[in-house]
C-alpha atoms as a PDB file:
ATOM      1  CA  UNK A   1     -23.462 -25.179  16.819  1.00  0.00           C
ATOM      2  CA  UNK A   2     -23.172 -21.384  17.758  1.00  0.00           C
ATOM      3  CA  UNK A   3     -20.139 -19.244  17.597  1.00  0.00           C
ATOM      4  CA  UNK A   4     -18.216 -18.724  20.748  1.00  0.00           C
ATOM      5  CA  UNK A   5     -17.836 -15.123  22.078  1.00  0.00           C
ATOM      6  CA  UNK A   6     -14.049 -15.537  21.862  1.00  0.00           C
ATOM      7  CA  UNK A   7     -14.218 -16.507  18.005  1.00  0.00           C
ATOM      8  CA  UNK A   8     -16.656 -13.792  17.321  1.00  0.00           C
ATOM      9  CA  UNK A   9     -14.378 -11.324  18.947  1.00  0.00           C
ATOM     10  CA  UNK A  10     -11.476 -12.532  16.946  1.00  0.00           C
ATOM     11  CA  UNK A  11     -13.553 -12.491  13.907  1.00  0.00           C
ATOM     12  CA  UNK A  12     -14.535  -8.939  14.521  1.00  0.00           C
ATOM     13  CA  UNK A  13     -10.883  -7.991  15.199  1.00  0.00           C
ATOM     14  CA  UNK A  14      -9.832  -9.442  11.832  1.00  0.00           C
ATOM     15  CA  UNK A  15     -12.552  -7.318   9.986  1.00  0.00           C
ATOM     16  CA  UNK A  16     -11.649  -4.112  11.884  1.00  0.00           C
ATOM     17  CA  UNK A  17      -7.933  -4.596  11.314  1.00  0.00           C
ATOM     18  CA  UNK A  18      -8.485  -5.029   7.434  1.00  0.00           C
ATOM     19  CA  UNK A  19     -10.618  -1.851   7.413  1.00  0.00           C
ATOM     20  CA  UNK A  20      -7.899   0.037   9.296  1.00  0.00           C
ATOM     21  CA  UNK A  21      -5.227  -1.176   6.856  1.00  0.00           C
ATOM     22  CA  UNK A  22      -7.436   0.207   3.973  1.00  0.00           C
ATOM     23  CA  UNK A  23      -7.950   3.551   5.790  1.00  0.00           C
ATOM     24  CA  UNK A  24      -4.235   3.792   6.335  1.00  0.00           C
ATOM     25  CA  UNK A  25      -3.517   3.202   2.635  1.00  0.00           C
ATOM     26  CA  UNK A  26      -5.872   5.957   1.727  1.00  0.00           C
ATOM     27  CA  UNK A  27      -4.330   8.269   4.249  1.00  0.00           C
ATOM     28  CA  UNK A  28      -0.843   7.701   3.115  1.00  0.00           C
ATOM     29  CA  UNK A  29      -1.935   7.933  -0.554  1.00  0.00           C
ATOM     30  CA  UNK A  30      -3.384  11.363   0.230  1.00  0.00           C
ATOM     31  CA  UNK A  31      -0.227  12.413   1.990  1.00  0.00           C
ATOM     32  CA  UNK A  32       1.923  11.215  -0.989  1.00  0.00           C
ATOM     33  CA  UNK A  33      -0.290  13.248  -3.374  1.00  0.00           C
ATOM     34  CA  UNK A  34       0.282  16.334  -1.348  1.00  0.00           C
ATOM     35  CA  UNK A  35       4.077  16.114  -1.128  1.00  0.00           C
ATOM     36  CA  UNK A  36       6.262  18.327  -3.366  1.00  0.00           C
ATOM     37  CA  UNK A  37       9.337  16.692  -1.975  1.00  0.00           C
ATOM     38  CA  UNK A  38      10.325  13.477  -3.721  1.00  0.00           C
ATOM     39  CA  UNK A  39      11.767  11.825  -0.583  1.00  0.00           C
ATOM     40  CA  UNK A  40       8.650  12.512   1.423  1.00  0.00           C
ATOM     41  CA  UNK A  41       6.443  11.295  -1.278  1.00  0.00           C
ATOM     42  CA  UNK A  42       8.447   8.071  -1.671  1.00  0.00           C
ATOM     43  CA  UNK A  43       8.157   7.546   2.114  1.00  0.00           C
ATOM     44  CA  UNK A  44       4.425   7.881   2.086  1.00  0.00           C
ATOM     45  CA  UNK A  45       4.223   5.554  -0.985  1.00  0.00           C
ATOM     46  CA  UNK A  46       6.286   2.958   0.757  1.00  0.00           C
ATOM     47  CA  UNK A  47       4.123   3.239   3.902  1.00  0.00           C
ATOM     48  CA  UNK A  48       0.991   2.798   1.705  1.00  0.00           C
ATOM     49  CA  UNK A  49       2.562  -0.288   0.129  1.00  0.00           C
ATOM     50  CA  UNK A  50       3.339  -1.771   3.439  1.00  0.00           C
ATOM     51  CA  UNK A  51      -0.253  -1.321   4.638  1.00  0.00           C
ATOM     52  CA  UNK A  52      -1.381  -3.086   1.414  1.00  0.00           C
ATOM     53  CA  UNK A  53       0.770  -6.077   2.441  1.00  0.00           C
ATOM     54  CA  UNK A  54      -0.644  -6.065   5.811  1.00  0.00           C
ATOM     55  CA  UNK A  55      -4.136  -6.030   4.381  1.00  0.00           C
ATOM     56  CA  UNK A  56      -3.416  -8.892   2.210  1.00  0.00           C
ATOM     57  CA  UNK A  57      -1.917 -10.919   5.143  1.00  0.00           C
ATOM     58  CA  UNK A  58      -4.855 -10.216   7.341  1.00  0.00           C
ATOM     59  CA  UNK A  59      -7.272 -11.191   4.505  1.00  0.00           C
ATOM     60  CA  UNK A  60      -5.567 -14.539   4.158  1.00  0.00           C
ATOM     61  CA  UNK A  61      -5.683 -15.244   7.886  1.00  0.00           C
ATOM     62  CA  UNK A  62      -9.300 -14.063   8.040  1.00  0.00           C
ATOM     63  CA  UNK A  63     -10.077 -16.651   5.151  1.00  0.00           C
ATOM     64  CA  UNK A  64      -8.278 -19.373   7.117  1.00  0.00           C
ATOM     65  CA  UNK A  65     -10.006 -18.554  10.373  1.00  0.00           C
ATOM     66  CA  UNK A  66     -13.568 -17.988   8.977  1.00  0.00           C
ATOM     67  CA  UNK A  67     -14.394 -21.726   8.625  1.00  0.00           C
ATOM     68  CA  UNK A  68     -13.491 -22.248  12.253  1.00  0.00           C
ATOM     69  CA  UNK A  69     -15.977 -19.515  13.219  1.00  0.00           C
ATOM     70  CA  UNK A  70     -18.818 -20.326  10.791  1.00  0.00           C
ATOM     71  CA  UNK A  71     -18.583 -24.136  10.975  1.00  0.00           C
END
């Protein structure tokens, strides 16, 4: 049984979203490292942490969805 185009698209979106979350974490981490201001550094660190939570949630959904796609 082959994968439907819709499921393939959803599968690809999950993978892209996870990668985007990882890139955002890196970006916010770099910004935090550049900040001399404690308030701004903390803001970027919090944003990085939020992206890590998003990544974990997406990975969990990806794992749940994958058996539906791969059979």
